[in-house]
């Protein structure tokens, strides 16, 4: 029989790419989506399958990490072979404005999902999406042995999730792992994250629809990789013989200014003509440099990040230019919408 997987956060960047990967591998995929009055499934619309089709392998279920009872009942019904927790309030700057909400979803939500696995008694493997932000002010390069020094409510919540995952592994014998992912981007990255904000601005400025983009700290150093490669690493962690925690990173250091330069120059623009500073995008506590050392996962699981910043920025700029051109086509109508939205 085909394996089955449950993805919390399937409508996000990583969740959509992971769903693609698992479906390509023959999995039956179940995704958790929150009830909303508007559609929020645009990243997975291309994967849509009619639930009435007996051969459908993608199934969506209303659930939320704030509702532990629902999680227990769902896991008891589905018995997935693998559970991926990618759900979170994932914007670092926003976490300073909404620290309690961030703690409840990004932190305690992980406990609810782990507890649902334990209470339901199912035999499953559990992946927790951790973050390089937990390293905070620790000096790079950071690996699995580097001290954690979180510098935001988001990072603190992610660190809680990291330790509670390890606790359930040690206390209850669950196959539970943490993937400590450094920044990974794609054309599906949320539009308020700095990389996507930059590439969308490049497309709009090139098309004459926008003149400036407003940013904060341009000197932050980050390790940017390509999201589709990172979900492959997540999957590999759950195929290992024993559970362990791994850093996923490219090992290369670049500043926001570097990303700006590559993205704008690729489109034939000079970023200094179009970028303006706005202090509201600064964090109360900055994280200067996050650069990962992924040697362990390369040795143990054979995972290596191949797409680096220059190629990544070009992929994203091309996609946003194409998306802007597509939005402007007058013939777009309901025929282009997925079947369930028509």
Protein backbone atom coordinates (compact mmCIF):
# COMPACT_ATOMS: atom_id res chain seq x y z
CA UNK A 1 0.00 0.00 0.00
CA UNK A 2 1.08 3.57 -0.65
CA UNK A 3 2.36 5.60 2.27
CA UNK A 4 0.24 8.43 3.65
CA UNK A 5 1.30 11.76 5.08
CA UNK A 6 -0.39 14.57 6.98
CA UNK A 7 0.90 18.11 6.35
CA UNK A 8 0.05 20.90 8.77
CA UNK A 9 0.71 24.10 6.84
CA UNK A 10 0.05 22.62 3.41
CA UNK A 11 -1.08 25.99 2.01
CA UNK A 12 2.29 27.61 2.78
CA UNK A 13 5.39 27.75 0.62
CA UNK A 14 7.01 24.62 2.06
CA UNK A 15 3.73 22.76 2.45
CA UNK A 16 2.86 23.16 -1.22
CA UNK A 17 6.26 21.96 -2.42
CA UNK A 18 6.21 19.07 0.05
CA UNK A 19 2.76 18.02 -1.17
CA UNK A 20 4.08 17.99 -4.74
CA UNK A 21 7.07 15.90 -3.73
CA UNK A 22 5.04 13.35 -1.78
CA UNK A 23 2.40 12.99 -4.49
CA UNK A 24 5.18 12.41 -7.04
CA UNK A 25 6.47 9.64 -4.77
CA UNK A 26 3.08 7.96 -4.72
CA UNK A 27 1.91 9.09 -1.26
CA UNK A 28 -1.65 9.77 -0.25
CA UNK A 29 -1.46 13.32 1.13
CA UNK A 30 -3.73 14.89 3.72
CA UNK A 31 -3.46 18.61 4.42
CA UNK A 32 -4.78 20.74 7.25
CA UNK A 33 -6.41 24.03 6.26
CA UNK A 34 -8.00 26.67 8.45
CA UNK A 35 -11.58 27.67 7.81
CA UNK A 36 -11.81 31.12 6.24
CA UNK A 37 -14.44 33.10 4.35
CA UNK A 38 -12.04 33.52 1.43
CA UNK A 39 -10.00 30.96 -0.47
CA UNK A 40 -6.42 30.65 0.76
CA UNK A 41 -5.27 27.62 -1.22
CA UNK A 42 -3.68 29.31 -4.22
CA UNK A 43 -0.32 27.57 -3.72
CA UNK A 44 -1.92 24.12 -4.04
CA UNK A 45 -4.77 24.79 -6.49
CA UNK A 46 -2.78 23.12 -9.26
CA UNK A 47 -2.75 19.92 -7.19
CA UNK A 48 -6.52 19.89 -6.73
CA UNK A 49 -8.30 16.58 -7.17
CA UNK A 50 -12.04 15.99 -7.06
CA UNK A 51 -12.67 14.40 -3.63
CA UNK A 52 -15.40 12.29 -5.26
CA UNK A 53 -12.78 10.59 -7.40
CA UNK A 54 -11.96 7.24 -5.75
CA UNK A 55 -8.39 7.57 -7.03
CA UNK A 56 -7.82 11.04 -5.53
CA UNK A 57 -4.64 11.19 -3.43
CA UNK A 58 -4.84 14.75 -2.09
CA UNK A 59 -7.35 15.40 0.68
CA UNK A 60 -7.88 18.63 2.63
CA UNK A 61 -9.31 18.75 6.16
CA UNK A 62 -10.43 21.71 8.25
CA UNK A 63 -8.31 21.83 11.40
CA UNK A 64 -6.17 24.21 13.39
CA UNK A 65 -3.23 23.78 15.74
CA UNK A 66 -5.23 25.66 18.37
CA UNK A 67 -7.77 22.80 18.53
CA UNK A 68 -6.19 19.78 20.15
CA UNK A 69 -9.38 17.71 20.19
CA UNK A 70 -9.78 18.03 16.43
CA UNK A 71 -6.17 16.97 15.91
CA UNK A 72 -6.66 13.84 18.02
CA UNK A 73 -9.79 12.77 16.16
CA UNK A 74 -8.25 13.46 12.75
CA UNK A 75 -5.08 11.51 13.45
CA UNK A 76 -7.12 8.64 14.90
CA UNK A 77 -9.11 8.48 11.66
CA UNK A 78 -6.28 8.92 9.18
CA UNK A 79 -3.39 6.96 10.74
CA UNK A 80 -0.77 8.71 8.56
CA UNK A 81 2.67 7.14 8.19
CA UNK A 82 4.28 10.57 8.41
CA UNK A 83 3.28 13.89 9.99
CA UNK A 84 4.92 17.15 8.92
CA UNK A 85 4.36 20.20 11.11
CA UNK A 86 5.04 23.20 8.87
CA UNK A 87 2.27 25.36 10.35
CA UNK A 88 3.25 28.55 12.15
CA UNK A 89 3.02 32.30 12.38
CA UNK A 90 6.31 32.52 10.54
CA UNK A 91 7.06 36.23 10.12
CA UNK A 92 9.79 37.32 12.52
CA UNK A 93 8.99 41.04 12.49
CA UNK A 94 5.26 40.39 12.99
CA UNK A 95 6.05 38.22 16.02
CA UNK A 96 7.10 41.35 17.91
CA UNK A 97 3.64 42.80 17.28
CA UNK A 98 1.79 39.55 18.04
CA UNK A 99 3.97 37.66 20.54
CA UNK A 100 1.13 35.83 22.32
CA UNK A 101 -0.45 34.61 19.07
CA UNK A 102 2.99 33.55 17.83
CA UNK A 103 3.66 31.62 21.03
CA UNK A 104 0.27 29.90 20.85
CA UNK A 105 0.56 28.78 17.23
CA UNK A 106 4.28 28.46 16.53
CA UNK A 107 5.12 27.13 19.98
CA UNK A 108 2.25 25.48 21.86
CA UNK A 109 0.62 24.36 18.62
CA UNK A 110 3.49 21.91 18.19
CA UNK A 111 2.72 20.41 21.59
CA UNK A 112 -0.91 19.94 20.63
CA UNK A 113 0.07 18.07 17.49
CA UNK A 114 2.63 15.91 19.29
CA UNK A 115 0.13 15.19 22.05
CA UNK A 116 -2.44 14.21 19.43
CA UNK A 117 0.07 11.72 18.02
CA UNK A 118 0.69 10.31 21.49
CA UNK A 119 -2.95 10.13 22.60
CA UNK A 120 -4.18 8.62 19.34
CA UNK A 121 -1.60 5.86 19.72
CA UNK A 122 -0.73 5.81 16.03
CA UNK A 123 2.68 4.69 14.79
CA UNK A 124 3.95 7.59 12.75
CA UNK A 125 7.06 9.62 12.06
CA UNK A 126 6.96 13.30 13.00
CA UNK A 127 8.82 16.19 11.37
CA UNK A 128 9.04 19.55 13.12
CA UNK A 129 10.00 22.60 11.06
CA UNK A 130 12.56 24.38 13.16
CA UNK A 131 14.33 27.59 12.14
CA UNK A 132 17.80 29.09 12.00
CA UNK A 133 16.35 32.01 13.97
CA UNK A 134 16.80 29.94 17.14
CA UNK A 135 20.55 30.60 16.86
CA UNK A 136 19.97 34.34 17.15
CA UNK A 137 23.16 36.07 18.21
CA UNK A 138 25.41 32.97 18.09
CA UNK A 139 28.28 33.47 15.68
CA UNK A 140 28.20 31.68 12.30
CA UNK A 141 28.60 29.16 10.90
CA UNK A 142 25.89 27.49 12.96
CA UNK A 143 25.41 23.72 13.16
CA UNK A 144 23.60 21.19 15.36
CA UNK A 145 26.01 21.87 18.25
CA UNK A 146 25.80 25.68 18.20
CA UNK A 147 24.26 27.37 21.24
CA UNK A 148 20.72 28.71 20.84
CA UNK A 149 20.25 32.42 21.58
CA UNK A 150 16.83 33.45 20.19
CA UNK A 151 16.27 37.16 19.54
CA UNK A 152 12.54 37.37 18.77
CA UNK A 153 9.20 35.97 19.97
CA UNK A 154 9.16 33.85 16.81
CA UNK A 155 12.59 32.41 17.56
CA UNK A 156 11.65 31.73 21.18
CA UNK A 157 8.49 29.91 20.06
CA UNK A 158 10.46 27.87 17.53
CA UNK A 159 13.01 26.98 20.21
CA UNK A 160 10.21 25.76 22.46
CA UNK A 161 8.96 23.59 19.58
CA UNK A 162 12.46 22.25 19.05
CA UNK A 163 12.83 21.16 22.65
CA UNK A 164 9.30 19.78 23.04
CA UNK A 165 9.87 17.65 19.93
CA UNK A 166 13.06 16.26 21.43
CA UNK A 167 11.25 15.74 24.72
CA UNK A 168 8.53 13.64 23.10
CA UNK A 169 11.20 11.65 21.26
CA UNK A 170 13.07 10.92 24.50
CA UNK A 171 10.04 10.50 26.76
CA UNK A 172 7.69 8.46 24.58
CA UNK A 173 9.96 6.93 21.98
CA UNK A 174 8.35 8.81 19.09
CA UNK A 175 10.19 9.00 15.80
CA UNK A 176 10.33 12.79 15.98
CA UNK A 177 12.91 15.02 14.30
CA UNK A 178 13.74 18.71 13.95
CA UNK A 179 14.81 20.18 10.64
CA UNK A 180 16.67 23.39 11.48
CA UNK A 181 16.10 25.16 8.19
CA UNK A 182 18.01 28.26 7.23
CA UNK A 183 16.27 30.78 4.97
CA UNK A 184 14.79 29.15 1.88
CA UNK A 185 12.85 31.02 -0.75
CA UNK A 186 10.93 30.55 -3.99
CA UNK A 187 8.32 32.24 -6.17
CA UNK A 188 5.78 30.96 -3.62
CA UNK A 189 7.37 32.85 -0.73
CA UNK A 190 4.97 35.11 1.13
CA UNK A 191 4.83 38.60 -0.30
CA UNK A 192 5.81 40.32 2.97
CA UNK A 193 9.11 38.43 3.30
CA UNK A 194 12.08 40.50 2.21
CA UNK A 195 13.23 38.36 -0.74
CA UNK A 196 9.79 38.16 -2.32
CA UNK A 197 9.13 41.80 -1.52
CA UNK A 198 12.27 42.64 -3.47
CA UNK A 199 11.52 40.46 -6.51
CA UNK A 200 7.91 41.65 -6.71
CA UNK A 201 9.18 45.23 -6.59
CA UNK A 202 11.67 44.51 -9.37
CA UNK A 203 8.85 43.22 -11.57
CA UNK A 204 6.57 46.16 -10.78
CA UNK A 205 9.30 48.78 -11.24
CA UNK A 206 10.39 47.25 -14.55
CA UNK A 207 6.75 47.36 -15.71
CA UNK A 208 6.40 51.02 -14.65
CA UNK A 209 3.81 50.21 -12.00
CA UNK A 210 5.94 51.10 -8.98
CA UNK A 211 8.80 53.47 -8.28
CA UNK A 212 10.14 52.61 -4.82
CA UNK A 213 10.34 49.72 -2.40
CA UNK A 214 10.77 50.39 1.32
CA UNK A 215 13.09 48.16 3.35
CA UNK A 216 14.83 48.01 6.72
CA UNK A 217 18.29 46.62 7.53
CA UNK A 218 20.24 45.90 4.35
CA UNK A 219 23.30 44.57 6.20
CA UNK A 220 21.69 41.44 7.66
CA UNK A 221 23.61 38.34 6.58
CA UNK A 222 21.58 35.28 5.66
CA UNK A 223 22.01 31.86 4.09
CA UNK A 224 19.38 31.68 1.31
CA UNK A 225 18.46 28.42 -0.39
CA UNK A 226 15.72 27.11 -2.68
CA UNK A 227 12.57 25.79 -0.99
CA UNK A 228 11.91 22.77 -3.29
CA UNK A 229 15.32 21.38 -2.35
CA UNK A 230 14.65 21.87 1.36
CA UNK A 231 11.44 19.84 1.39
CA UNK A 232 13.45 16.97 -0.09
CA UNK A 233 15.67 17.24 3.00
CA UNK A 234 12.61 17.16 5.27
CA UNK A 235 11.40 13.97 3.61
CA UNK A 236 14.81 12.34 3.87
CA UNK A 237 14.87 12.92 7.64
CA UNK A 238 11.77 10.74 8.00
CA UNK A 239 13.27 7.98 5.86
CA UNK A 240 16.29 7.62 8.17
CA UNK A 241 16.62 4.51 10.34
CA UNK A 242 16.86 6.54 13.54
CA UNK A 243 15.40 9.97 14.42
CA UNK A 244 17.83 12.87 14.66
CA UNK A 245 17.97 16.64 14.20
CA UNK A 246 19.59 18.26 11.18
CA UNK A 247 20.57 21.67 9.83
CA UNK A 248 19.51 22.38 6.23
CA UNK A 249 21.52 25.21 4.65
CA UNK A 250 23.65 26.18 1.66
CA UNK A 251 26.63 27.32 3.74
CA UNK A 252 26.91 30.62 1.85
CA UNK A 253 26.63 34.10 3.34
CA UNK A 254 24.95 37.05 1.62
CA UNK A 255 23.44 40.33 2.76
CA UNK A 256 20.07 41.78 1.86
CA UNK A 257 22.05 44.29 -0.18
CA UNK A 258 23.58 41.40 -2.16
CA UNK A 259 20.11 40.06 -2.93
CA UNK A 260 19.00 43.53 -4.01
CA UNK A 261 21.98 43.96 -6.31
CA UNK A 262 21.54 40.62 -8.06
CA UNK A 263 17.75 40.93 -8.44
CA UNK A 264 17.74 44.50 -9.77
CA UNK A 265 20.75 44.07 -12.06
CA UNK A 266 19.20 40.95 -13.56
CA UNK A 267 16.26 43.10 -14.64
CA UNK A 268 18.52 45.88 -15.93
CA UNK A 269 17.85 48.20 -12.98
CA UNK A 270 19.94 50.00 -10.35
CA UNK A 271 18.55 49.26 -6.90
CA UNK A 272 19.93 52.49 -5.43
CA UNK A 273 17.44 54.43 -7.56
CA UNK A 274 14.46 52.58 -6.13
CA UNK A 275 15.12 51.47 -2.54
CA UNK A 276 14.12 53.65 0.40
CA UNK A 277 14.66 53.06 4.12
CA UNK A 278 11.77 52.72 6.55
CA UNK A 279 12.56 52.16 10.23
CA UNK A 280 9.30 50.29 10.82
CA UNK A 281 10.90 47.27 9.13
CA UNK A 282 13.68 47.10 11.73
CA UNK A 283 13.39 44.54 14.49
CA UNK A 284 13.68 45.63 18.15
CA UNK A 285 16.49 43.06 18.41
CA UNK A 286 18.36 42.31 15.21
CA UNK A 287 20.01 39.04 14.18
CA UNK A 288 23.19 39.99 12.37
CA UNK A 289 24.29 36.77 10.68
CA UNK A 290 22.83 33.30 10.09
CA UNK A 291 24.93 30.94 7.98
CA UNK A 292 24.44 27.19 8.26
CA UNK A 293 26.83 24.27 8.32
CA UNK A 294 24.93 21.32 6.81
CA UNK A 295 27.81 18.84 6.92
CA UNK A 296 25.92 16.37 9.12
CA UNK A 297 22.92 15.95 6.82
CA UNK A 298 25.24 15.56 3.81
CA UNK A 299 27.09 12.70 5.49
CA UNK A 300 24.07 10.98 7.06
CA UNK A 301 21.36 11.51 4.45
CA UNK A 302 23.17 12.63 1.30
CA UNK A 303 21.33 15.96 1.12
CA UNK A 304 23.10 18.95 -0.47
CA UNK A 305 21.70 22.38 -1.38
CA UNK A 306 22.60 23.13 -5.00
CA UNK A 307 20.74 26.36 -5.82
CA UNK A 308 22.58 29.37 -4.40
CA UNK A 309 21.64 33.06 -4.24
CA UNK A 310 22.42 34.24 -7.81
CA UNK A 311 20.30 31.50 -9.39
CA UNK A 312 17.62 31.78 -6.70
CA UNK A 313 17.15 35.53 -7.19
CA UNK A 314 16.86 35.07 -10.96
CA UNK A 315 14.26 32.30 -10.56
CA UNK A 316 12.17 34.57 -8.35
CA UNK A 317 12.51 37.66 -10.55
CA UNK A 318 11.52 35.71 -13.66
CA UNK A 319 8.48 34.28 -11.88
CA UNK A 320 7.30 37.66 -10.59
CA UNK A 321 7.75 39.34 -13.98
CA UNK A 322 5.73 36.54 -15.59
CA UNK A 323 3.07 36.72 -12.86
CA UNK A 324 2.66 40.47 -13.36
CA UNK A 325 2.28 40.02 -17.12
CA UNK A 326 -0.27 37.24 -16.53
CA UNK A 327 -2.34 39.42 -14.19
CA UNK A 328 -2.57 42.06 -16.90
CA UNK A 329 -4.03 39.80 -19.59
CA UNK A 330 -7.61 40.84 -20.37
CA UNK A 331 -8.79 37.34 -21.31
CA UNK A 332 -8.35 35.84 -17.84
CA UNK A 333 -11.73 34.64 -16.59
CA UNK A 334 -13.32 31.84 -14.59
CA UNK A 335 -12.09 29.23 -17.06
CA UNK A 336 -8.57 29.67 -15.67
CA UNK A 337 -9.71 29.02 -12.11
CA UNK A 338 -9.45 25.58 -10.50
CA UNK A 339 -12.61 23.53 -10.89
CA UNK A 340 -13.78 23.90 -7.31
CA UNK A 341 -13.74 27.70 -7.51
CA UNK A 342 -15.76 28.09 -10.72
